[in-house]
Amino acid sequence: MDDRLHDNWTTQLRKGLLEMCILNAIKPGRAYGYEIVRRLRQIEGLVIGEGTIYPILSRFHREGLVETHLEESSAGPARKYYELTDRGKKLLKKMSATWETIVRGVRNL
């Protein structure tokens, strides 16, 4: 029973952090989808797959948080690159501030 509760809590925590992590992965500069996945896979415990990232990136584009453009690749088909818009940068800043407040509060408990 405790394992099931922990697994559910962990899943919910990952889902809640994923959007902020994706925006942070794009923050240093433009990146293509698989590059974002690779960056996120470096976060221990996040457990992320390509099928999870692309729908979120599409929604971010529709919401004006990222800009996209295709660029030819010598390694295969054209790649879609993502870059934060000003709106995306502002949202990430708010998310990060909220996250820091929560982490600080939890540590102080």
N, C-alpha and C. Protein backbone atom coordinates (compact mmCIF):
# COMPACT_ATOMS: atom_id res chain seq x y z
N MET A 1 0.82 -1.20 0.00
CA MET A 1 0.00 0.00 0.00
C MET A 1 0.87 1.26 0.00
N ASP A 2 1.88 1.33 0.87
CA ASP A 2 2.72 2.51 0.92
C ASP A 2 3.46 2.74 -0.39
N ASP A 3 3.89 1.65 -1.04
CA ASP A 3 4.58 1.78 -2.33
C ASP A 3 3.65 2.38 -3.37
N ARG A 4 2.40 1.95 -3.39
CA ARG A 4 1.44 2.49 -4.35
C ARG A 4 1.21 3.97 -4.11
N LEU A 5 1.06 4.36 -2.86
CA LEU A 5 0.86 5.78 -2.53
C LEU A 5 2.07 6.61 -2.94
N HIS A 6 3.25 6.07 -2.65
CA HIS A 6 4.48 6.78 -3.03
C HIS A 6 4.59 6.90 -4.54
N ASP A 7 4.30 5.82 -5.27
CA ASP A 7 4.35 5.85 -6.73
C ASP A 7 3.39 6.89 -7.30
N ASN A 8 2.19 6.98 -6.76
CA ASN A 8 1.21 7.95 -7.22
C ASN A 8 1.69 9.37 -6.93
N TRP A 9 2.21 9.60 -5.75
CA TRP A 9 2.72 10.91 -5.38
C TRP A 9 3.86 11.31 -6.30
N THR A 10 4.77 10.38 -6.58
CA THR A 10 5.91 10.65 -7.45
C THR A 10 5.45 11.00 -8.86
N THR A 11 4.48 10.27 -9.36
CA THR A 11 3.94 10.53 -10.70
C THR A 11 3.34 11.93 -10.77
N GLN A 12 2.56 12.30 -9.77
CA GLN A 12 1.94 13.63 -9.75
C GLN A 12 2.99 14.73 -9.64
N LEU A 13 4.02 14.51 -8.85
CA LEU A 13 5.10 15.48 -8.70
C LEU A 13 5.81 15.69 -10.04
N ARG A 14 6.12 14.60 -10.72
CA ARG A 14 6.78 14.69 -12.03
C ARG A 14 5.93 15.46 -13.02
N LYS A 15 4.63 15.16 -13.06
CA LYS A 15 3.74 15.85 -14.00
C LYS A 15 3.72 17.34 -13.71
N GLY A 16 3.69 17.70 -12.45
CA GLY A 16 3.64 19.10 -12.08
C GLY A 16 4.90 19.87 -12.42
N LEU A 17 6.03 19.19 -12.40
CA LEU A 17 7.30 19.85 -12.67
C LEU A 17 7.69 19.85 -14.15
N LEU A 18 7.08 18.98 -14.91
CA LEU A 18 7.51 18.76 -16.28
C LEU A 18 7.48 20.02 -17.13
N GLU A 19 6.42 20.79 -17.07
CA GLU A 19 6.32 21.99 -17.90
C GLU A 19 7.43 22.98 -17.57
N MET A 20 7.69 23.19 -16.29
CA MET A 20 8.76 24.09 -15.90
C MET A 20 10.11 23.55 -16.37
N CYS A 21 10.31 22.26 -16.28
CA CYS A 21 11.56 21.65 -16.73
C CYS A 21 11.75 21.81 -18.23
N ILE A 22 10.68 21.64 -18.99
CA ILE A 22 10.78 21.80 -20.45
C ILE A 22 11.17 23.24 -20.78
N LEU A 23 10.51 24.20 -20.16
CA LEU A 23 10.85 25.61 -20.41
C LEU A 23 12.30 25.89 -20.02
N ASN A 24 12.74 25.33 -18.91
CA ASN A 24 14.13 25.51 -18.48
C ASN A 24 15.11 24.87 -19.46
N ALA A 25 14.72 23.75 -20.06
CA ALA A 25 15.59 23.08 -21.02
C ALA A 25 15.77 23.91 -22.29
N ILE A 26 14.78 24.75 -22.60
CA ILE A 26 14.85 25.60 -23.79
C ILE A 26 15.50 26.94 -23.47
N LYS A 27 15.47 27.33 -22.22
CA LYS A 27 15.94 28.66 -21.80
C LYS A 27 17.34 29.03 -22.31
N PRO A 28 18.33 28.13 -22.30
CA PRO A 28 19.68 28.54 -22.75
C PRO A 28 19.73 28.98 -24.21
N GLY A 29 18.77 28.57 -24.99
CA GLY A 29 18.75 28.92 -26.41
C GLY A 29 17.94 27.90 -27.18
N ARG A 30 17.79 28.13 -28.45
CA ARG A 30 16.93 27.25 -29.24
C ARG A 30 17.42 25.81 -29.15
N ALA A 31 16.46 24.89 -29.20
CA ALA A 31 16.77 23.47 -29.10
C ALA A 31 15.72 22.68 -29.87
N TYR A 32 16.12 21.57 -30.42
CA TYR A 32 15.15 20.71 -31.11
C TYR A 32 14.63 19.66 -30.13
N GLY A 33 13.54 19.02 -30.50
CA GLY A 33 12.82 18.14 -29.59
C GLY A 33 13.67 17.10 -28.90
N TYR A 34 14.44 16.33 -29.66
CA TYR A 34 15.21 15.26 -29.03
C TYR A 34 16.29 15.82 -28.11
N GLU A 35 16.82 16.97 -28.45
CA GLU A 35 17.80 17.63 -27.60
C GLU A 35 17.18 17.99 -26.24
N ILE A 36 15.94 18.44 -26.26
CA ILE A 36 15.21 18.76 -25.03
C ILE A 36 15.01 17.48 -24.21
N VAL A 37 14.62 16.40 -24.88
CA VAL A 37 14.44 15.12 -24.20
C VAL A 37 15.75 14.70 -23.53
N ARG A 38 16.86 14.80 -24.25
CA ARG A 38 18.16 14.42 -23.67
C ARG A 38 18.49 15.24 -22.43
N ARG A 39 18.22 16.54 -22.49
CA ARG A 39 18.50 17.39 -21.32
C ARG A 39 17.65 16.96 -20.12
N LEU A 40 16.39 16.66 -20.39
CA LEU A 40 15.49 16.28 -19.30
C LEU A 40 15.84 14.91 -18.72
N ARG A 41 16.34 14.02 -19.55
CA ARG A 41 16.72 12.69 -19.07
C ARG A 41 17.90 12.74 -18.12
N GLN A 42 18.61 13.84 -18.09
CA GLN A 42 19.74 14.00 -17.16
C GLN A 42 19.27 14.27 -15.73
N ILE A 43 17.99 14.60 -15.58
CA ILE A 43 17.44 14.88 -14.25
C ILE A 43 17.03 13.56 -13.62
N GLU A 44 17.76 13.16 -12.61
CA GLU A 44 17.47 11.90 -11.95
C GLU A 44 16.06 11.90 -11.37
N GLY A 45 15.33 10.84 -11.67
CA GLY A 45 13.99 10.69 -11.11
C GLY A 45 12.88 11.29 -11.95
N LEU A 46 13.22 12.08 -12.98
CA LEU A 46 12.17 12.72 -13.78
C LEU A 46 11.47 11.71 -14.69
N VAL A 47 12.19 10.76 -15.26
CA VAL A 47 11.64 9.70 -16.11
C VAL A 47 10.75 10.28 -17.20
N ILE A 48 11.35 10.59 -18.32
CA ILE A 48 10.65 11.28 -19.39
C ILE A 48 10.81 10.53 -20.71
N GLY A 49 9.78 10.59 -21.52
CA GLY A 49 9.82 9.98 -22.85
C GLY A 49 9.49 10.99 -23.92
N GLU A 50 9.90 10.68 -25.14
CA GLU A 50 9.63 11.59 -26.25
C GLU A 50 8.14 11.83 -26.45
N GLY A 51 7.33 10.80 -26.27
CA GLY A 51 5.89 10.92 -26.47
C GLY A 51 5.22 11.87 -25.50
N THR A 52 5.88 12.16 -24.41
CA THR A 52 5.34 13.08 -23.42
C THR A 52 5.68 14.53 -23.76
N ILE A 53 6.84 14.74 -24.30
CA ILE A 53 7.36 16.09 -24.54
C ILE A 53 6.68 16.79 -25.71
N TYR A 54 6.51 16.09 -26.82
CA TYR A 54 6.03 16.75 -28.03
C TYR A 54 4.63 17.35 -27.92
N PRO A 55 3.67 16.69 -27.27
CA PRO A 55 2.36 17.34 -27.10
C PRO A 55 2.45 18.62 -26.27
N ILE A 56 3.31 18.62 -25.27
CA ILE A 56 3.48 19.81 -24.44
C ILE A 56 4.12 20.92 -25.26
N LEU A 57 5.13 20.59 -26.06
CA LEU A 57 5.76 21.60 -26.92
C LEU A 57 4.75 22.18 -27.91
N SER A 58 3.88 21.34 -28.45
CA SER A 58 2.85 21.84 -29.37
C SER A 58 1.90 22.80 -28.67
N ARG A 59 1.52 22.45 -27.45
CA ARG A 59 0.63 23.33 -26.68
C ARG A 59 1.34 24.64 -26.36
N PHE A 60 2.63 24.57 -25.97
CA PHE A 60 3.40 25.77 -25.70
C PHE A 60 3.43 26.68 -26.93
N HIS A 61 3.53 26.09 -28.11
CA HIS A 61 3.54 26.88 -29.34
C HIS A 61 2.19 27.56 -29.54
N ARG A 62 1.11 26.81 -29.36
CA ARG A 62 -0.24 27.38 -29.52
C ARG A 62 -0.47 28.50 -28.52
N GLU A 63 0.08 28.38 -27.32
CA GLU A 63 -0.10 29.38 -26.26
C GLU A 63 0.87 30.54 -26.37
N GLY A 64 1.74 30.51 -27.37
CA GLY A 64 2.68 31.62 -27.58
C GLY A 64 3.86 31.62 -26.63
N LEU A 65 4.17 30.49 -26.04
CA LEU A 65 5.29 30.41 -25.10
C LEU A 65 6.61 30.10 -25.81
N VAL A 66 6.51 29.43 -26.96
CA VAL A 66 7.70 29.12 -27.76
C VAL A 66 7.43 29.44 -29.22
N GLU A 67 8.49 29.77 -29.92
CA GLU A 67 8.45 29.92 -31.36
C GLU A 67 9.11 28.69 -31.95
N THR A 68 8.69 28.30 -33.13
CA THR A 68 9.30 27.14 -33.78
C THR A 68 9.75 27.50 -35.18
N HIS A 69 10.75 26.79 -35.64
CA HIS A 69 11.13 26.88 -37.05
C HIS A 69 11.87 25.60 -37.44
N LEU A 70 11.70 25.23 -38.69
CA LEU A 70 12.36 24.03 -39.23
C LEU A 70 13.72 24.41 -39.79
N GLU A 71 14.67 23.51 -39.58
CA GLU A 71 16.00 23.73 -40.11
C GLU A 71 16.51 22.41 -40.67
N GLU A 72 17.05 22.46 -41.86
CA GLU A 72 17.59 21.25 -42.47
C GLU A 72 18.73 20.69 -41.62
N SER A 73 18.84 19.37 -41.64
CA SER A 73 19.87 18.70 -40.86
C SER A 73 20.67 17.79 -41.77
N SER A 74 21.98 17.80 -41.60
CA SER A 74 22.82 16.90 -42.39
C SER A 74 22.71 15.46 -41.88
N ALA A 75 22.15 15.29 -40.69
CA ALA A 75 22.04 13.98 -40.07
C ALA A 75 20.69 13.31 -40.33
N GLY A 76 19.86 13.88 -41.21
CA GLY A 76 18.55 13.28 -41.46
C GLY A 76 17.53 14.33 -41.85
N PRO A 77 16.27 14.09 -41.47
CA PRO A 77 15.22 15.04 -41.85
C PRO A 77 15.37 16.38 -41.11
N ALA A 78 14.66 17.36 -41.60
CA ALA A 78 14.70 18.69 -40.97
C ALA A 78 14.27 18.59 -39.52
N ARG A 79 14.85 19.44 -38.70
CA ARG A 79 14.54 19.45 -37.27
C ARG A 79 13.71 20.68 -36.94
N LYS A 80 12.75 20.48 -36.04
CA LYS A 80 11.96 21.60 -35.56
C LYS A 80 12.64 22.13 -34.30
N TYR A 81 13.02 23.39 -34.35
CA TYR A 81 13.68 24.03 -33.22
C TYR A 81 12.66 24.86 -32.44
N TYR A 82 12.86 24.89 -31.13
CA TYR A 82 11.99 25.64 -30.22
C TYR A 82 12.82 26.69 -29.52
N GLU A 83 12.21 27.86 -29.35
CA GLU A 83 12.86 28.96 -28.65
C GLU A 83 11.82 29.69 -27.82
N LEU A 84 12.18 30.07 -26.61
CA LEU A 84 11.24 30.77 -25.74
C LEU A 84 10.91 32.15 -26.30
N THR A 85 9.64 32.50 -26.23
CA THR A 85 9.21 33.86 -26.55
C THR A 85 9.34 34.69 -25.28
N ASP A 86 9.11 35.99 -25.39
CA ASP A 86 9.11 36.83 -24.19
C ASP A 86 8.07 36.33 -23.20
N ARG A 87 6.92 35.94 -23.73
CA ARG A 87 5.85 35.41 -22.86
C ARG A 87 6.31 34.14 -22.15
N GLY A 88 7.00 33.27 -22.87
CA GLY A 88 7.52 32.04 -22.27
C GLY A 88 8.56 32.34 -21.19
N LYS A 89 9.41 33.33 -21.44
CA LYS A 89 10.43 33.71 -20.45
C LYS A 89 9.78 34.26 -19.19
N LYS A 90 8.74 35.07 -19.36
CA LYS A 90 8.04 35.64 -18.20
C LYS A 90 7.35 34.54 -17.39
N LEU A 91 6.71 33.61 -18.08
CA LEU A 91 6.05 32.52 -17.37
C LEU A 91 7.07 31.66 -16.63
N LEU A 92 8.18 31.35 -17.26
CA LEU A 92 9.21 30.55 -16.61
C LEU A 92 9.74 31.26 -15.36
N LYS A 93 9.90 32.56 -15.45
CA LYS A 93 10.38 33.33 -14.29
C LYS A 93 9.39 33.21 -13.13
N LYS A 94 8.08 33.32 -13.44
CA LYS A 94 7.06 33.18 -12.40
C LYS A 94 7.04 31.76 -11.82
N MET A 95 7.12 30.77 -12.71
CA MET A 95 7.12 29.38 -12.26
C MET A 95 8.32 29.11 -11.35
N SER A 96 9.48 29.60 -11.74
CA SER A 96 10.70 29.39 -10.96
C SER A 96 10.60 30.05 -9.59
N ALA A 97 10.04 31.24 -9.54
CA ALA A 97 9.88 31.93 -8.26
C ALA A 97 8.92 31.16 -7.36
N THR A 98 7.83 30.66 -7.93
CA THR A 98 6.88 29.88 -7.15
C THR A 98 7.53 28.60 -6.64
N TRP A 99 8.28 27.94 -7.52
CA TRP A 99 8.99 26.71 -7.14
C TRP A 99 9.96 26.98 -5.99
N GLU A 100 10.74 28.04 -6.09
CA GLU A 100 11.70 28.37 -5.03
C GLU A 100 10.99 28.65 -3.71
N THR A 101 9.86 29.33 -3.76
CA THR A 101 9.09 29.61 -2.55
C THR A 101 8.61 28.31 -1.91
N ILE A 102 8.12 27.40 -2.72
CA ILE A 102 7.63 26.12 -2.20
C ILE A 102 8.78 25.31 -1.60
N VAL A 103 9.89 25.22 -2.32
CA VAL A 103 11.04 24.45 -1.83
C VAL A 103 11.53 25.03 -0.51
N ARG A 104 11.63 26.34 -0.46
CA ARG A 104 12.09 27.01 0.78
C ARG A 104 11.13 26.70 1.92
N GLY A 105 9.83 26.77 1.64
CA GLY A 105 8.83 26.49 2.67
C GLY A 105 8.89 25.05 3.16
N VAL A 106 9.06 24.11 2.24
CA VAL A 106 9.13 22.70 2.62
C VAL A 106 10.39 22.45 3.46
N ARG A 107 11.49 23.04 3.07
CA ARG A 107 12.73 22.87 3.85
C ARG A 107 12.60 23.44 5.24
N ASN A 108 11.80 24.48 5.39
CA ASN A 108 11.65 25.13 6.70
C ASN A 108 10.67 24.40 7.61
N LEU A 109 9.94 23.43 7.09
CA LEU A 109 8.97 22.69 7.92
C LEU A 109 9.65 21.93 9.03
